[in-house]
Amino acid sequence: MEEQGSEVVLIGFWASTYCHRVELALNIKGIPYEFVEEDLSNKSDLLIQYNPVHKKVPVLVHKGKAIAESLVILEYIDDCWDNTPKLLPQDPHERAKIRFWANFYDQKVLLPSTYPIIYSEGEEREKTMAEFRELLRMFEEGIKKDFPTRKPFFNGEDLGFLDVTVAANSCMYRAFEEALALDYELNNYPAFLSWLNALKGCPVVKETLPPHDKLVAIIRKMFLKQT
């Protein structure tokens, strides 16, 4: 961090989808920020100071005050910078539905798409992959049912809260497939795949997310020796 200190600082890691969410929200809102790259193998005193509970990225530091956990940070950004486009709708029921599916994606879909699959083999991997596909089916059908007018994004042409939550991971599925010879069978989920492709084609997403080849390389470096 600069000696004078920036008003908004994001402590993160360039390959973290959780950090990408925060970057996307800041970029969508047009909020200037300083990005401080964290070495997750040798966590800095700065990270531990601002996130002493989990010691994880991302951490948003706004005027010296720290906010942790990506979904919490997204809501903070939307509340604190009350300019358009808004990430969450005003209607309480719509907000509740979006929060529900964002948490479902985080707690049920996102994690099963990485570590449980990567650290399993043979029949066990097939089982964990089948569980992931069923959860993805539930997510896809739930989104279609609860938000039938979403075209293509939750705010029309602008990304909303759930778009940002999913968009940050949109580049990772193909990267994990290529790096670790996985097959998520995303073609079997046409609505979800169409959404991912629309997200990846959105200019702010393309400008924010890292290149595919760079992701493939770091995934191989992190996981191949352990599989």
C-alpha atoms as a PDB file:
ATOM      1  CA  MET A   1       0.000   0.000   0.000  1.00  0.00           C
ATOM      2  CA  GLU A   2       1.200   3.470  -0.815  1.00  0.00           C
ATOM      3  CA  GLU A   3       2.604   5.588   1.986  1.00  0.00           C
ATOM      4  CA  GLN A   4      -0.202   8.151   1.654  1.00  0.00           C
ATOM      5  CA  GLY A   5      -2.773   5.392   1.453  1.00  0.00           C
ATOM      6  CA  SER A   6      -5.479   4.927  -1.168  1.00  0.00           C
ATOM      7  CA  GLU A   7      -9.106   5.404  -0.183  1.00  0.00           C
ATOM      8  CA  VAL A   8      -9.991   1.962  -1.567  1.00  0.00           C
ATOM      9  CA  VAL A   9      -7.535  -0.937  -1.425  1.00  0.00           C
ATOM     10  CA  LEU A  10      -8.178  -4.525  -2.463  1.00  0.00           C
ATOM     11  CA  ILE A  11      -5.864  -7.142  -0.980  1.00  0.00           C
ATOM     12  CA  GLY A  12      -6.098 -10.150  -3.263  1.00  0.00           C
ATOM     13  CA  PHE A  13      -4.573 -12.803  -5.465  1.00  0.00           C
ATOM     14  CA  TRP A  14      -4.710 -12.480  -9.253  1.00  0.00           C
ATOM     15  CA  ALA A  15      -6.102 -16.014  -9.833  1.00  0.00           C
ATOM     16  CA  SER A  16      -8.769 -15.966  -7.100  1.00  0.00           C
ATOM     17  CA  THR A  17     -12.355 -15.988  -8.348  1.00  0.00           C
ATOM     18  CA  TYR A  18     -13.423 -14.487  -5.029  1.00  0.00           C
ATOM     19  CA  CYS A  19     -11.135 -11.525  -5.669  1.00  0.00           C
ATOM     20  CA  HIS A  20     -12.359 -11.231  -9.257  1.00  0.00           C
ATOM     21  CA  ARG A  21     -15.880 -10.667  -7.913  1.00  0.00           C
ATOM     22  CA  VAL A  22     -14.753  -7.642  -5.963  1.00  0.00           C
ATOM     23  CA  GLU A  23     -12.732  -6.299  -8.887  1.00  0.00           C
ATOM     24  CA  LEU A  24     -15.759  -6.683 -11.154  1.00  0.00           C
ATOM     25  CA  ALA A  25     -18.016  -4.813  -8.732  1.00  0.00           C
ATOM     26  CA  LEU A  26     -15.501  -1.987  -8.351  1.00  0.00           C
ATOM     27  CA  ASN A  27     -15.031  -1.749 -12.114  1.00  0.00           C
ATOM     28  CA  ILE A  28     -18.780  -1.832 -12.793  1.00  0.00           C
ATOM     29  CA  LYS A  29     -19.269   1.015 -10.326  1.00  0.00           C
ATOM     30  CA  GLY A  30     -16.280   2.937 -11.694  1.00  0.00           C
ATOM     31  CA  ILE A  31     -14.571   3.035  -8.295  1.00  0.00           C
ATOM     32  CA  PRO A  32     -10.793   3.670  -8.379  1.00  0.00           C
ATOM     33  CA  TYR A  33      -8.826   1.268  -6.205  1.00  0.00           C
ATOM     34  CA  GLU A  34      -5.347   0.030  -5.450  1.00  0.00           C
ATOM     35  CA  PHE A  35      -4.751  -3.707  -5.851  1.00  0.00           C
ATOM     36  CA  VAL A  36      -2.253  -5.258  -3.442  1.00  0.00           C
ATOM     37  CA  GLU A  37      -1.122  -8.696  -4.606  1.00  0.00           C
ATOM     38  CA  GLU A  38      -0.917 -11.249  -1.784  1.00  0.00           C
ATOM     39  CA  ASP A  39       1.469 -14.213  -1.653  1.00  0.00           C
ATOM     40  CA  LEU A  40      -0.810 -16.929  -0.296  1.00  0.00           C
ATOM     41  CA  SER A  41       2.133 -19.223   0.448  1.00  0.00           C
ATOM     42  CA  ASN A  42       3.645 -16.563   2.705  1.00  0.00           C
ATOM     43  CA  LYS A  43       0.795 -14.444   4.010  1.00  0.00           C
ATOM     44  CA  SER A  44       1.682 -10.874   4.767  1.00  0.00           C
ATOM     45  CA  ASP A  45       1.310  -9.043   8.055  1.00  0.00           C
ATOM     46  CA  LEU A  46      -1.017  -6.704   6.182  1.00  0.00           C
ATOM     47  CA  LEU A  47      -3.455  -9.519   5.341  1.00  0.00           C
ATOM     48  CA  ILE A  48      -3.362 -10.912   8.874  1.00  0.00           C
ATOM     49  CA  GLN A  49      -3.886  -7.419  10.296  1.00  0.00           C
ATOM     50  CA  TYR A  50      -6.982  -6.768   8.200  1.00  0.00           C
ATOM     51  CA  ASN A  51      -8.433 -10.296   8.209  1.00  0.00           C
ATOM     52  CA  PRO A  52      -7.229 -11.904  11.448  1.00  0.00           C
ATOM     53  CA  VAL A  53     -10.119 -14.408  11.603  1.00  0.00           C
ATOM     54  CA  HIS A  54      -9.835 -16.209   8.243  1.00  0.00           C
ATOM     55  CA  LYS A  55      -6.508 -14.811   6.971  1.00  0.00           C
ATOM     56  CA  LYS A  56      -7.852 -15.106   3.429  1.00  0.00           C
ATOM     57  CA  VAL A  57      -8.339 -12.882   0.398  1.00  0.00           C
ATOM     58  CA  PRO A  58     -10.142 -10.839  -0.681  1.00  0.00           C
ATOM     59  CA  VAL A  59     -10.095  -8.022   1.821  1.00  0.00           C
ATOM     60  CA  LEU A  60     -11.425  -4.601   0.900  1.00  0.00           C
ATOM     61  CA  VAL A  61      -9.958  -1.727   2.882  1.00  0.00           C
ATOM     62  CA  HIS A  62     -12.047   1.433   2.616  1.00  0.00           C
ATOM     63  CA  LYS A  63     -10.725   4.512   4.402  1.00  0.00           C
ATOM     64  CA  GLY A  64      -8.739   2.241   6.703  1.00  0.00           C
ATOM     65  CA  LYS A  65     -11.683  -0.031   7.554  1.00  0.00           C
ATOM     66  CA  ALA A  66     -11.530  -3.666   6.464  1.00  0.00           C
ATOM     67  CA  ILE A  67     -14.326  -5.805   5.007  1.00  0.00           C
ATOM     68  CA  ALA A  68     -13.788  -9.528   4.357  1.00  0.00           C
ATOM     69  CA  GLU A  69     -15.653 -12.286   2.458  1.00  0.00           C
ATOM     70  CA  SER A  70     -16.468 -11.644  -1.200  1.00  0.00           C
ATOM     71  CA  LEU A  71     -20.286 -11.652  -1.035  1.00  0.00           C
ATOM     72  CA  VAL A  72     -20.221  -9.391   2.019  1.00  0.00           C
ATOM     73  CA  ILE A  73     -17.872  -7.055   0.162  1.00  0.00           C
ATOM     74  CA  LEU A  74     -20.210  -6.952  -2.861  1.00  0.00           C
ATOM     75  CA  GLU A  75     -23.100  -5.831  -0.672  1.00  0.00           C
ATOM     76  CA  TYR A  76     -20.897  -3.274   1.050  1.00  0.00           C
ATOM     77  CA  ILE A  77     -19.852  -1.803  -2.303  1.00  0.00           C
ATOM     78  CA  ASP A  78     -23.456  -1.600  -3.476  1.00  0.00           C
ATOM     79  CA  ASP A  79     -24.565   0.055  -0.225  1.00  0.00           C
ATOM     80  CA  CYS A  80     -21.628   2.392   0.157  1.00  0.00           C
ATOM     81  CA  TRP A  81     -21.488   3.655  -3.439  1.00  0.00           C
ATOM     82  CA  ASP A  82     -25.142   4.330  -4.123  1.00  0.00           C
ATOM     83  CA  ASN A  83     -24.613   5.090  -7.801  1.00  0.00           C
ATOM     84  CA  THR A  84     -25.888   3.154 -10.777  1.00  0.00           C
ATOM     85  CA  PRO A  85     -25.780   0.490 -11.861  1.00  0.00           C
ATOM     86  CA  LYS A  86     -27.037  -1.067  -8.645  1.00  0.00           C
ATOM     87  CA  LEU A  87     -26.008  -4.677  -8.122  1.00  0.00           C
ATOM     88  CA  LEU A  88     -29.034  -5.614  -6.011  1.00  0.00           C
ATOM     89  CA  PRO A  89     -32.655  -4.668  -6.764  1.00  0.00           C
ATOM     90  CA  GLN A  90     -34.729  -2.509  -4.422  1.00  0.00           C
ATOM     91  CA  ASP A  91     -37.535  -5.041  -3.994  1.00  0.00           C
ATOM     92  CA  PRO A  92     -36.896  -7.010  -0.757  1.00  0.00           C
ATOM     93  CA  HIS A  93     -38.177 -10.316  -2.159  1.00  0.00           C
ATOM     94  CA  GLU A  94     -36.042 -10.041  -5.297  1.00  0.00           C
ATOM     95  CA  ARG A  95     -33.018  -9.198  -3.141  1.00  0.00           C
ATOM     96  CA  ALA A  96     -33.711 -12.214  -0.923  1.00  0.00           C
ATOM     97  CA  LYS A  97     -33.937 -14.570  -3.914  1.00  0.00           C
ATOM     98  CA  ILE A  98     -30.678 -13.281  -5.348  1.00  0.00           C
ATOM     99  CA  ARG A  99     -28.926 -13.638  -1.983  1.00  0.00           C
ATOM    100  CA  PHE A 100     -30.267 -17.193  -1.687  1.00  0.00           C
ATOM    101  CA  TRP A 101     -28.939 -18.309  -5.075  1.00  0.00           C
ATOM    102  CA  ALA A 102     -25.619 -16.496  -4.607  1.00  0.00           C
ATOM    103  CA  ASN A 103     -25.105 -18.395  -1.354  1.00  0.00           C
ATOM    104  CA  PHE A 104     -26.262 -21.641  -2.959  1.00  0.00           C
ATOM    105  CA  TYR A 105     -23.726 -21.189  -5.738  1.00  0.00           C
ATOM    106  CA  ASP A 106     -20.974 -20.403  -3.255  1.00  0.00           C
ATOM    107  CA  GLN A 107     -21.704 -23.151  -0.759  1.00  0.00           C
ATOM    108  CA  LYS A 108     -22.991 -25.948  -2.998  1.00  0.00           C
ATOM    109  CA  VAL A 109     -21.871 -25.485  -6.605  1.00  0.00           C
ATOM    110  CA  LEU A 110     -18.568 -23.625  -6.550  1.00  0.00           C
ATOM    111  CA  LEU A 111     -16.616 -25.699  -4.028  1.00  0.00           C
ATOM    112  CA  PRO A 112     -17.760 -29.101  -5.401  1.00  0.00           C
ATOM    113  CA  SER A 113     -16.453 -27.973  -8.780  1.00  0.00           C
ATOM    114  CA  THR A 114     -12.912 -27.753  -7.445  1.00  0.00           C
ATOM    115  CA  TYR A 115     -11.364 -29.484  -4.468  1.00  0.00           C
ATOM    116  CA  PRO A 116     -13.624 -32.534  -3.896  1.00  0.00           C
ATOM    117  CA  ILE A 117     -13.355 -33.446  -7.583  1.00  0.00           C
ATOM    118  CA  ILE A 118      -9.651 -32.715  -7.879  1.00  0.00           C
ATOM    119  CA  TYR A 119      -8.698 -34.716  -4.806  1.00  0.00           C
ATOM    120  CA  SER A 120     -10.657 -37.824  -5.785  1.00  0.00           C
ATOM    121  CA  GLU A 121     -10.010 -40.596  -8.292  1.00  0.00           C
ATOM    122  CA  GLY A 122     -11.883 -43.327 -10.139  1.00  0.00           C
ATOM    123  CA  GLU A 123     -15.341 -44.107  -8.822  1.00  0.00           C
ATOM    124  CA  GLU A 124     -15.031 -41.517  -6.086  1.00  0.00           C
ATOM    125  CA  ARG A 125     -14.350 -38.802  -8.652  1.00  0.00           C
ATOM    126  CA  GLU A 126     -17.341 -39.940 -10.714  1.00  0.00           C
ATOM    127  CA  LYS A 127     -19.479 -39.712  -7.586  1.00  0.00           C
ATOM    128  CA  THR A 128     -18.312 -36.190  -6.712  1.00  0.00           C
ATOM    129  CA  MET A 129     -18.724 -35.103 -10.338  1.00  0.00           C
ATOM    130  CA  ALA A 130     -22.268 -36.518 -10.403  1.00  0.00           C
ATOM    131  CA  GLU A 131     -23.058 -34.586  -7.215  1.00  0.00           C
ATOM    132  CA  PHE A 132     -21.728 -31.410  -8.783  1.00  0.00           C
ATOM    133  CA  ARG A 133     -23.831 -31.914 -11.922  1.00  0.00           C
ATOM    134  CA  GLU A 134     -26.985 -32.443  -9.873  1.00  0.00           C
ATOM    135  CA  LEU A 135     -26.334 -29.266  -7.896  1.00  0.00           C
ATOM    136  CA  LEU A 136     -25.665 -27.390 -11.119  1.00  0.00           C
ATOM    137  CA  ARG A 137     -28.971 -28.693 -12.515  1.00  0.00           C
ATOM    138  CA  MET A 138     -30.770 -27.421  -9.403  1.00  0.00           C
ATOM    139  CA  PHE A 139     -29.055 -24.046  -9.733  1.00  0.00           C
ATOM    140  CA  GLU A 140     -29.884 -23.748 -13.435  1.00  0.00           C
ATOM    141  CA  GLU A 141     -33.547 -24.661 -12.924  1.00  0.00           C
ATOM    142  CA  GLY A 142     -33.870 -22.444  -9.873  1.00  0.00           C
ATOM    143  CA  ILE A 143     -32.539 -19.418 -11.728  1.00  0.00           C
ATOM    144  CA  LYS A 144     -34.879 -20.021 -14.672  1.00  0.00           C
ATOM    145  CA  LYS A 145     -37.860 -20.344 -12.324  1.00  0.00           C
ATOM    146  CA  ASP A 146     -37.110 -17.396 -10.040  1.00  0.00           C
ATOM    147  CA  PHE A 147     -35.846 -14.983 -12.702  1.00  0.00           C
ATOM    148  CA  PRO A 148     -37.675 -15.756 -15.976  1.00  0.00           C
ATOM    149  CA  THR A 149     -37.167 -12.247 -17.393  1.00  0.00           C
ATOM    150  CA  ARG A 150     -33.364 -12.140 -16.997  1.00  0.00           C
ATOM    151  CA  LYS A 151     -32.095 -11.208 -20.476  1.00  0.00           C
ATOM    152  CA  PRO A 152     -29.195 -11.491 -20.732  1.00  0.00           C
ATOM    153  CA  PHE A 153     -28.213 -10.244 -17.269  1.00  0.00           C
ATOM    154  CA  PHE A 154     -30.078  -9.361 -14.101  1.00  0.00           C
ATOM    155  CA  ASN A 155     -29.984  -5.647 -14.896  1.00  0.00           C
ATOM    156  CA  GLY A 156     -30.698  -6.002 -18.595  1.00  0.00           C
ATOM    157  CA  GLU A 157     -27.416  -5.129 -20.283  1.00  0.00           C
ATOM    158  CA  ASP A 158     -25.687  -4.445 -16.944  1.00  0.00           C
ATOM    159  CA  LEU A 159     -24.380  -7.067 -14.546  1.00  0.00           C
ATOM    160  CA  GLY A 160     -26.183  -7.583 -11.254  1.00  0.00           C
ATOM    161  CA  PHE A 161     -25.143  -9.212  -7.983  1.00  0.00           C
ATOM    162  CA  LEU A 162     -25.659 -12.814  -9.122  1.00  0.00           C
ATOM    163  CA  ASP A 163     -24.054 -12.107 -12.504  1.00  0.00           C
ATOM    164  CA  VAL A 164     -20.933 -10.869 -10.723  1.00  0.00           C
ATOM    165  CA  THR A 165     -20.954 -13.877  -8.390  1.00  0.00           C
ATOM    166  CA  VAL A 166     -20.994 -16.337 -11.308  1.00  0.00           C
ATOM    167  CA  ALA A 167     -18.985 -14.294 -13.826  1.00  0.00           C
ATOM    168  CA  ALA A 168     -15.904 -14.394 -11.637  1.00  0.00           C
ATOM    169  CA  ASN A 169     -15.882 -18.179 -11.997  1.00  0.00           C
ATOM    170  CA  SER A 170     -16.888 -18.287 -15.660  1.00  0.00           C
ATOM    171  CA  CYS A 171     -13.305 -18.536 -16.884  1.00  0.00           C
ATOM    172  CA  MET A 172     -12.378 -21.279 -14.415  1.00  0.00           C
ATOM    173  CA  TYR A 173     -14.473 -24.215 -15.656  1.00  0.00           C
ATOM    174  CA  ARG A 174     -12.691 -24.517 -19.002  1.00  0.00           C
ATOM    175  CA  ALA A 175      -9.332 -23.817 -17.356  1.00  0.00           C
ATOM    176  CA  PHE A 176      -9.824 -26.672 -14.876  1.00  0.00           C
ATOM    177  CA  GLU A 177     -11.036 -28.981 -17.659  1.00  0.00           C
ATOM    178  CA  GLU A 178      -7.955 -28.296 -19.776  1.00  0.00           C
ATOM    179  CA  ALA A 179      -5.457 -28.298 -16.924  1.00  0.00           C
ATOM    180  CA  LEU A 180      -6.653 -31.442 -15.151  1.00  0.00           C
ATOM    181  CA  ALA A 181      -8.448 -33.409 -17.897  1.00  0.00           C
ATOM    182  CA  LEU A 182     -11.858 -32.966 -16.286  1.00  0.00           C
ATOM    183  CA  ASP A 183     -15.236 -32.869 -18.022  1.00  0.00           C
ATOM    184  CA  TYR A 184     -17.997 -30.907 -16.325  1.00  0.00           C
ATOM    185  CA  GLU A 185     -20.352 -31.676 -19.262  1.00  0.00           C
ATOM    186  CA  LEU A 186     -21.509 -28.071 -19.321  1.00  0.00           C
ATOM    187  CA  ASN A 187     -23.160 -28.643 -22.703  1.00  0.00           C
ATOM    188  CA  ASN A 188     -25.865 -30.540 -20.798  1.00  0.00           C
ATOM    189  CA  TYR A 189     -26.818 -27.275 -19.073  1.00  0.00           C
ATOM    190  CA  PRO A 190     -27.670 -25.004 -22.011  1.00  0.00           C
ATOM    191  CA  ALA A 191     -29.189 -22.174 -19.960  1.00  0.00           C
ATOM    192  CA  PHE A 192     -26.206 -22.047 -17.608  1.00  0.00           C
ATOM    193  CA  LEU A 193     -23.704 -22.357 -20.463  1.00  0.00           C
ATOM    194  CA  SER A 194     -25.443 -19.600 -22.432  1.00  0.00           C
ATOM    195  CA  TRP A 195     -25.250 -17.390 -19.337  1.00  0.00           C
ATOM    196  CA  LEU A 196     -21.538 -18.159 -18.880  1.00  0.00           C
ATOM    197  CA  ASN A 197     -20.817 -17.316 -22.527  1.00  0.00           C
ATOM    198  CA  ALA A 198     -22.740 -14.053 -22.269  1.00  0.00           C
ATOM    199  CA  LEU A 199     -20.835 -13.163 -19.109  1.00  0.00           C
ATOM    200  CA  LYS A 200     -17.468 -13.944 -20.677  1.00  0.00           C
ATOM    201  CA  GLY A 201     -18.395 -11.768 -23.643  1.00  0.00           C
ATOM    202  CA  CYS A 202     -19.267  -8.772 -21.472  1.00  0.00           C
ATOM    203  CA  PRO A 203     -16.559  -6.068 -21.882  1.00  0.00           C
ATOM    204  CA  VAL A 204     -16.055  -5.423 -18.152  1.00  0.00           C
ATOM    205  CA  VAL A 205     -15.653  -9.164 -17.529  1.00  0.00           C
ATOM    206  CA  LYS A 206     -13.154  -9.576 -20.365  1.00  0.00           C
ATOM    207  CA  GLU A 207     -11.146  -6.640 -19.033  1.00  0.00           C
ATOM    208  CA  THR A 208     -11.144  -7.932 -15.441  1.00  0.00           C
ATOM    209  CA  LEU A 209     -10.596 -11.692 -15.616  1.00  0.00           C
ATOM    210  CA  PRO A 210      -7.132 -13.186 -16.272  1.00  0.00           C
ATOM    211  CA  PRO A 211      -6.128 -14.893 -19.554  1.00  0.00           C
ATOM    212  CA  HIS A 212      -7.103 -18.542 -20.034  1.00  0.00           C
ATOM    213  CA  ASP A 213      -3.543 -19.769 -20.648  1.00  0.00           C
ATOM    214  CA  LYS A 214      -2.293 -18.122 -17.472  1.00  0.00           C
ATOM    215  CA  LEU A 215      -5.034 -19.798 -15.434  1.00  0.00           C
ATOM    216  CA  VAL A 216      -4.335 -23.206 -16.959  1.00  0.00           C
ATOM    217  CA  ALA A 217      -0.657 -22.857 -16.094  1.00  0.00           C
ATOM    218  CA  ILE A 218      -1.215 -21.982 -12.439  1.00  0.00           C
ATOM    219  CA  ILE A 219      -3.871 -24.703 -11.987  1.00  0.00           C
ATOM    220  CA  ARG A 220      -1.419 -27.290 -13.297  1.00  0.00           C
ATOM    221  CA  LYS A 221       1.302 -25.939 -11.025  1.00  0.00           C
ATOM    222  CA  MET A 222      -0.982 -25.998  -7.963  1.00  0.00           C
ATOM    223  CA  PHE A 223      -2.747 -29.330  -8.448  1.00  0.00           C
ATOM    224  CA  LEU A 224      -1.060 -31.724 -10.869  1.00  0.00           C
ATOM    225  CA  LYS A 225       1.603 -32.805  -8.405  1.00  0.00           C
ATOM    226  CA  GLN A 226      -1.157 -33.602  -5.888  1.00  0.00           C
ATOM    227  CA  THR A 227      -3.484 -35.588  -8.163  1.00  0.00           C
END
